[in-house]
Protein backbone atom coordinates (compact mmCIF):
# COMPACT_ATOMS: atom_id res chain seq x y z
CA UNK A 1 11.43 4.73 25.77
CA UNK A 2 14.98 5.30 24.57
CA UNK A 3 16.41 2.82 27.12
CA UNK A 4 13.87 0.19 26.08
CA UNK A 5 14.74 0.62 22.40
CA UNK A 6 18.45 0.43 23.21
CA UNK A 7 17.80 -2.92 24.90
CA UNK A 8 15.72 -4.10 21.93
CA UNK A 9 18.57 -3.32 19.57
CA UNK A 10 21.41 -4.45 21.80
CA UNK A 11 20.16 -7.62 23.49
CA UNK A 12 17.42 -9.10 21.32
CA UNK A 13 18.42 -7.61 18.02
CA UNK A 14 16.12 -5.38 16.00
CA UNK A 15 12.73 -6.66 17.12
CA UNK A 16 9.46 -5.98 15.23
CA UNK A 17 8.54 -2.97 17.37
CA UNK A 18 11.82 -1.23 16.64
CA UNK A 19 11.80 -2.41 13.01
CA UNK A 20 8.44 -0.72 12.50
CA UNK A 21 9.57 2.56 14.05
CA UNK A 22 12.65 2.53 11.81
CA UNK A 23 10.42 2.00 8.76
CA UNK A 24 8.33 5.02 9.77
CA UNK A 25 11.47 7.11 10.19
CA UNK A 26 12.59 6.08 6.70
CA UNK A 27 9.18 6.90 5.25
CA UNK A 28 9.38 10.39 6.78
CA UNK A 29 12.84 10.98 5.27
CA UNK A 30 11.84 9.68 1.82
CA UNK A 31 8.99 12.19 1.60
CA UNK A 32 11.23 15.19 2.14
CA UNK A 33 12.02 17.23 -1.00
CA UNK A 34 15.76 16.51 -0.85
CA UNK A 35 16.73 13.53 -3.08
CA UNK A 36 17.49 10.28 -1.34
CA UNK A 37 21.18 9.35 -1.18
CA UNK A 38 22.27 6.05 -2.66
CA UNK A 39 22.57 4.59 0.86
CA UNK A 40 20.90 5.49 4.14
CA UNK A 41 21.65 4.45 7.70
CA UNK A 42 18.85 3.59 10.11
CA UNK A 43 19.64 3.62 13.79
CA UNK A 44 19.03 5.40 17.09
CA UNK A 45 19.79 9.02 17.83
CA UNK A 46 21.44 10.23 21.04
CA UNK A 47 18.12 10.01 22.87
CA UNK A 48 17.47 6.44 21.72
CA UNK A 49 14.84 7.37 19.13
CA UNK A 50 14.68 5.72 15.68
CA UNK A 51 16.30 8.03 13.16
CA UNK A 52 18.26 8.38 9.94
CA UNK A 53 21.94 8.35 10.87
CA UNK A 54 25.18 8.60 8.86
CA UNK A 55 26.05 5.31 7.17
CA UNK A 56 29.47 5.29 8.82
CA UNK A 57 28.04 5.94 12.29
CA UNK A 58 28.53 3.24 14.92
CA UNK A 59 24.84 3.49 15.80
CA UNK A 60 23.69 2.17 12.40
CA UNK A 61 21.41 -0.84 12.76
CA UNK A 62 20.44 -1.15 9.11
CA UNK A 63 21.94 0.14 5.88
CA UNK A 64 19.34 0.66 3.16
CA UNK A 65 19.91 1.29 -0.55
CA UNK A 66 17.54 3.42 -2.60
CA UNK A 67 16.38 0.33 -4.52
CA UNK A 68 15.09 -1.28 -1.32
CA UNK A 69 17.95 -3.72 -0.70
CA UNK A 70 19.35 -3.70 2.83
CA UNK A 71 22.21 -4.93 4.98
CA UNK A 72 21.85 -5.60 8.71
CA UNK A 73 24.48 -3.96 10.90
CA UNK A 74 23.01 -5.49 14.08
CA UNK A 75 21.12 -8.72 14.81
CA UNK A 76 17.68 -8.68 13.17
CA UNK A 77 14.86 -11.03 14.19
CA UNK A 78 13.23 -13.19 11.53
CA UNK A 79 9.99 -11.21 11.60
CA UNK A 80 11.85 -7.91 11.30
CA UNK A 81 13.80 -9.20 8.29
CA UNK A 82 10.55 -10.22 6.57
CA UNK A 83 9.08 -6.79 7.29
CA UNK A 84 12.06 -5.05 5.70
CA UNK A 85 11.74 -7.18 2.56
CA UNK A 86 7.99 -6.55 2.36
CA UNK A 87 7.68 -2.92 3.44
CA UNK A 88 10.88 -1.13 2.42
CA UNK A 89 9.72 -0.46 -1.17
CA UNK A 90 6.70 1.53 0.03
CA UNK A 91 8.68 3.27 2.78
CA UNK A 92 11.16 4.44 0.12
CA UNK A 93 8.57 5.74 -2.36
CA UNK A 94 9.42 9.27 -3.44
CA UNK A 95 9.02 11.70 -6.34
CA UNK A 96 11.97 10.19 -8.22
CA UNK A 97 10.86 6.61 -7.54
CA UNK A 98 7.05 6.42 -7.30
CA UNK A 99 5.41 3.14 -6.42
CA UNK A 100 1.93 1.67 -6.97
CA UNK A 101 1.02 -1.47 -5.03
CA UNK A 102 -2.36 -3.22 -5.08
CA UNK A 103 -3.76 -5.74 -2.62
CA UNK A 104 -6.62 -8.22 -2.69
CA UNK A 105 -7.73 -10.70 -0.04
CA UNK A 106 -9.43 -13.79 -1.45
CA UNK A 107 -10.53 -17.35 -0.78
CA UNK A 108 -8.87 -20.48 -2.14
CA UNK A 109 -11.30 -20.39 -5.06
CA UNK A 110 -10.53 -16.77 -5.90
CA UNK A 111 -13.56 -15.04 -4.35
CA UNK A 112 -13.28 -11.69 -2.59
CA UNK A 113 -16.92 -11.49 -1.43
CA UNK A 114 -20.30 -13.19 -1.71
CA UNK A 115 -22.65 -12.23 -4.51
CA UNK A 116 -24.31 -9.81 -2.06
CA UNK A 117 -20.95 -8.18 -1.29
CA UNK A 118 -20.22 -9.66 2.16
CA UNK A 119 -16.45 -9.89 2.65
CA UNK A 120 -15.95 -9.71 6.46
CA UNK A 121 -13.85 -11.59 7.04
CA UNK A 122 -12.33 -13.70 4.32
CA UNK A 123 -8.81 -13.13 5.62
CA UNK A 124 -7.57 -13.26 9.18
CA UNK A 125 -6.49 -10.49 11.57
CA UNK A 126 -2.82 -10.74 10.59
CA UNK A 127 -3.61 -9.69 7.03
CA UNK A 128 -5.82 -6.86 8.31
CA UNK A 129 -2.88 -5.57 10.35
CA UNK A 130 -0.72 -5.84 7.22
CA UNK A 131 -3.20 -3.61 5.39
CA UNK A 132 -2.90 -1.02 8.13
CA UNK A 133 0.90 -1.12 7.89
CA UNK A 134 0.69 -0.53 4.15
CA UNK A 135 -1.69 2.37 4.79
CA UNK A 136 0.74 3.92 7.27
CA UNK A 137 3.66 3.71 4.82
CA UNK A 138 1.85 4.86 1.67
CA UNK A 139 0.88 8.43 0.77
CA UNK A 140 -2.55 7.64 -0.66
CA UNK A 141 -4.89 4.67 -0.39
CA UNK A 142 -7.17 4.04 -3.38
CA UNK A 143 -10.46 2.15 -3.41
CA UNK A 144 -13.37 1.94 -5.81
CA UNK A 145 -16.91 3.18 -5.30
CA UNK A 146 -18.24 -0.38 -4.81
CA UNK A 147 -15.90 -0.89 -1.83
CA UNK A 148 -17.09 2.33 -0.20
CA UNK A 149 -20.73 1.50 -0.92
CA UNK A 150 -20.54 -2.08 0.43
CA UNK A 151 -18.10 -1.72 3.35
CA UNK A 152 -18.19 1.99 4.32
CA UNK A 153 -14.48 1.67 5.26
CA UNK A 154 -12.55 4.18 7.38
CA UNK A 155 -9.25 3.61 5.49
CA UNK A 156 -7.20 4.73 8.48
CA UNK A 157 -4.32 3.23 10.50
CA UNK A 158 -6.14 2.19 13.65
CA UNK A 159 -4.18 -1.04 14.23
CA UNK A 160 -0.62 0.30 13.96
CA UNK A 161 1.34 3.47 14.80
CA UNK A 162 1.68 5.74 11.79
CA UNK A 163 -0.04 8.51 9.83
CA UNK A 164 -3.36 8.16 8.04
CA UNK A 165 -2.96 8.28 4.25
CA UNK A 166 -4.85 10.52 1.89
CA UNK A 167 -8.00 8.62 0.91
CA UNK A 168 -8.77 8.40 -2.82
CA UNK A 169 -12.15 7.16 -4.03
CA UNK A 170 -12.61 6.19 -7.69
CA UNK A 171 -16.22 6.98 -8.54
CA UNK A 172 -16.53 7.41 -12.33
CA UNK A 173 -20.24 8.28 -12.28
CA UNK A 174 -20.26 10.31 -9.01
CA UNK A 175 -22.86 7.97 -7.57
CA UNK A 176 -21.71 7.83 -3.93
CA UNK A 177 -23.82 9.61 -1.33
CA UNK A 178 -22.44 12.39 0.84
CA UNK A 179 -23.34 10.31 3.92
CA UNK A 180 -20.48 7.83 3.42
CA UNK A 181 -18.08 7.85 6.35
CA UNK A 182 -15.02 8.84 4.34
CA UNK A 183 -16.74 12.11 3.40
CA UNK A 184 -17.89 12.93 6.93
CA UNK A 185 -15.31 11.84 9.51
CA UNK A 186 -12.50 14.28 8.56
CA UNK A 187 -9.97 11.66 9.70
CA UNK A 188 -7.79 12.30 6.63
CA UNK A 189 -7.91 14.34 3.41
CA UNK A 190 -10.21 12.67 0.86
CA UNK A 191 -10.14 12.93 -2.93
CA UNK A 192 -12.91 11.71 -5.21
CA UNK A 193 -11.79 10.97 -8.79
CA UNK A 194 -14.53 10.85 -11.42
CA UNK A 195 -15.17 11.23 -15.13
CA UNK A 196 -14.00 14.73 -16.03
CA UNK A 197 -17.32 15.36 -17.78
CA UNK A 198 -19.05 15.12 -14.37
CA UNK A 199 -16.47 16.86 -12.19
CA UNK A 200 -18.19 20.25 -12.16
CA UNK A 201 -21.52 18.68 -11.22
CA UNK A 202 -20.14 16.76 -8.22
CA UNK A 203 -20.82 18.39 -4.88
CA UNK A 204 -19.27 16.77 -1.81
CA UNK A 205 -18.19 18.99 1.07
CA UNK A 206 -15.94 16.28 2.51
CA UNK A 207 -13.83 15.59 -0.59
CA UNK A 208 -11.78 17.30 -3.25
CA UNK A 209 -13.19 16.46 -6.70
CA UNK A 210 -10.71 15.57 -9.44
CA UNK A 211 -11.82 14.78 -12.98
CA UNK A 212 -9.87 12.54 -15.37
CA UNK A 213 -10.66 11.28 -18.89
CA UNK A 214 -12.21 7.91 -19.53
CA UNK A 215 -10.22 5.05 -21.00
CA UNK A 216 -12.57 2.53 -22.56
CA UNK A 217 -15.03 1.25 -19.96
CA UNK A 218 -13.18 2.77 -17.00
CA UNK A 219 -11.27 5.86 -15.98
CA UNK A 220 -7.82 6.66 -17.34
CA UNK A 221 -5.98 5.51 -14.23
CA UNK A 222 -2.63 6.68 -15.58
CA UNK A 223 -4.04 10.21 -15.61
CA UNK A 224 -5.37 9.63 -12.08
CA UNK A 225 -1.89 8.64 -10.87
CA UNK A 226 -0.42 11.73 -12.52
CA UNK A 227 -2.90 13.95 -10.66
CA UNK A 228 -2.01 12.30 -7.36
CA UNK A 229 1.73 12.50 -7.92
CA UNK A 230 1.39 16.18 -8.84
CA UNK A 231 0.06 16.58 -5.28
CA UNK A 232 3.19 14.93 -3.84
CA UNK A 233 1.58 11.51 -3.38
CA UNK A 234 4.27 9.10 -4.60
CA UNK A 235 3.42 5.90 -2.73
CA UNK A 236 0.03 4.63 -3.90
CA UNK A 237 -1.71 1.67 -2.26
CA UNK A 238 -4.70 0.28 -4.17
CA UNK A 239 -6.69 -1.68 -1.59
CA UNK A 240 -9.64 -2.80 -3.67
CA UNK A 241 -11.96 -3.97 -4.76
CA UNK A 242 -11.55 -6.52 -7.50
CA UNK A 243 -12.71 -4.33 -10.38
CA UNK A 244 -10.43 -1.49 -9.32
CA UNK A 245 -7.34 -3.67 -8.87
CA UNK A 246 -8.09 -5.43 -12.17
CA UNK A 247 -8.35 -2.07 -13.97
CA UNK A 248 -4.96 -0.94 -12.63
CA UNK A 249 -3.45 -4.28 -13.64
CA UNK A 250 -5.02 -4.21 -17.10
CA UNK A 251 -3.72 -0.68 -17.72
CA UNK A 252 -0.17 -1.77 -16.73
CA UNK A 253 0.13 0.67 -13.83
CA UNK A 254 1.09 -1.59 -10.91
CA UNK A 255 4.62 -2.16 -9.66
CA UNK A 256 3.53 -4.83 -7.19
CA UNK A 257 0.43 -6.92 -6.64
CA UNK A 258 -0.26 -8.53 -3.27
CA UNK A 259 -2.84 -11.32 -3.04
CA UNK A 260 -3.64 -12.79 0.37
CA UNK A 261 -5.17 -16.26 0.07
CA UNK A 262 -7.29 -17.59 2.92
CA UNK A 263 -8.03 -21.31 3.58
CA UNK A 264 -11.68 -20.81 2.70
CA UNK A 265 -13.84 -22.09 -0.15
CA UNK A 266 -16.81 -19.84 -0.93
CA UNK A 267 -18.09 -21.70 -3.99
CA UNK A 268 -19.68 -18.62 -5.55
CA UNK A 269 -19.39 -14.87 -5.30
CA UNK A 270 -17.40 -11.98 -6.65
CA UNK A 271 -14.08 -12.86 -8.31
CA UNK A 272 -10.77 -11.20 -7.47
CA UNK A 273 -8.77 -10.47 -10.64
CA UNK A 274 -10.76 -10.20 -13.87
CA UNK A 275 -8.85 -9.47 -17.08
CA UNK A 276 -9.64 -9.81 -20.82
CA UNK A 277 -9.72 -13.45 -22.04
CA UNK A 278 -6.54 -15.16 -23.23
CA UNK A 279 -6.23 -18.09 -25.64
CA UNK A 280 -3.25 -19.82 -24.11
CA UNK A 281 -1.74 -19.99 -20.62
CA UNK A 282 1.53 -18.64 -22.01
CA UNK A 283 -0.29 -15.30 -22.32
CA UNK A 284 -1.00 -15.22 -18.60
CA UNK A 285 1.05 -13.34 -16.04
CA UNK A 286 3.53 -15.40 -14.02
CA UNK A 287 5.35 -12.73 -12.00
CA UNK A 288 8.32 -13.25 -9.73
CA UNK A 289 7.00 -13.36 -6.20
CA UNK A 290 7.68 -14.10 -2.58
CA UNK A 291 5.32 -15.80 -0.15
CA UNK A 292 4.69 -14.57 3.39
CA UNK A 293 2.74 -16.55 5.98
CA UNK A 294 0.26 -14.33 7.84
CA UNK A 295 -1.58 -16.43 10.40
CA UNK A 296 -3.62 -18.93 8.36
CA UNK A 297 -3.31 -16.82 5.20
CA UNK A 298 -0.53 -16.81 2.62
CA UNK A 299 0.39 -13.47 1.03
CA UNK A 300 1.83 -13.56 -2.49
CA UNK A 301 3.89 -10.40 -3.05
CA UNK A 302 4.23 -10.27 -6.83
CA UNK A 303 6.80 -8.05 -8.54
CA UNK A 304 5.40 -6.69 -11.78
CA UNK A 305 8.17 -4.10 -12.12
CA UNK A 306 11.42 -3.68 -10.21
CA UNK A 307 12.89 -0.57 -8.65
CA UNK A 308 15.65 -0.80 -11.25
CA UNK A 309 13.05 0.18 -13.86
CA UNK A 310 12.90 3.63 -12.24
CA UNK A 311 16.49 4.93 -12.13
CA UNK A 312 17.16 7.94 -9.93
């Protein structure tokens, strides 16, 4: 394997396979208790394995700053460069610089499912693989009770190399049944977050129960993030559904919002983002963003807050 990676770095540049393994190595380093230095070197160790190496080392392929900016020290393919721009923020999430990213996949007319809840598959396989990459780089993946009830998702990293994240289910009323797959398969630790008034009544053998206060019509998601970060979960990926992502956005808790738009018109169904009404378009959000083509889909990676807002 080492010889093959040496060829990938030396002859073709840093190809996507090697780029992904370097991102995983960076994620592993960022989660260690020692603070991240201002700059890190990514390269190959003496056995040709992706590793963190001294910045001044001749084996450095990529120099990464703590804010997610990077400088190539070897040829990097176009796909690999896009992956670094898109995935470095989550790979670098740590106690000193936590990150919350949400994702929604929707049609051209802003629908994430039919009225009956059918959503397979609005987006193409490339976006599904992207979701699995985000899962592998985050510490915890968050979904709402409706998503679990409708889709019975596994929330694991079956399509890419990398660890399964902690699975977090937001279920304010503790209405989910113990038979849901996430509570039975033991594929990853699972946390159920509910209204603190119901926490002592909840009984699920396959999940840790965490109660948080309510905030208006939903849970206090800021308190939920605090509970997760107290458990060492700094990189949070909110994968859906629409009500859950909208609640995080409304409470001002997201650093980034990713919306994957598919060339599909549904004509009716469940909307993606739903926020309180505004009177004028100037009150709407128009975040800085970058577009990524994923098969037939277009991913909008919107920056709601920058890494500079969280100084080390």
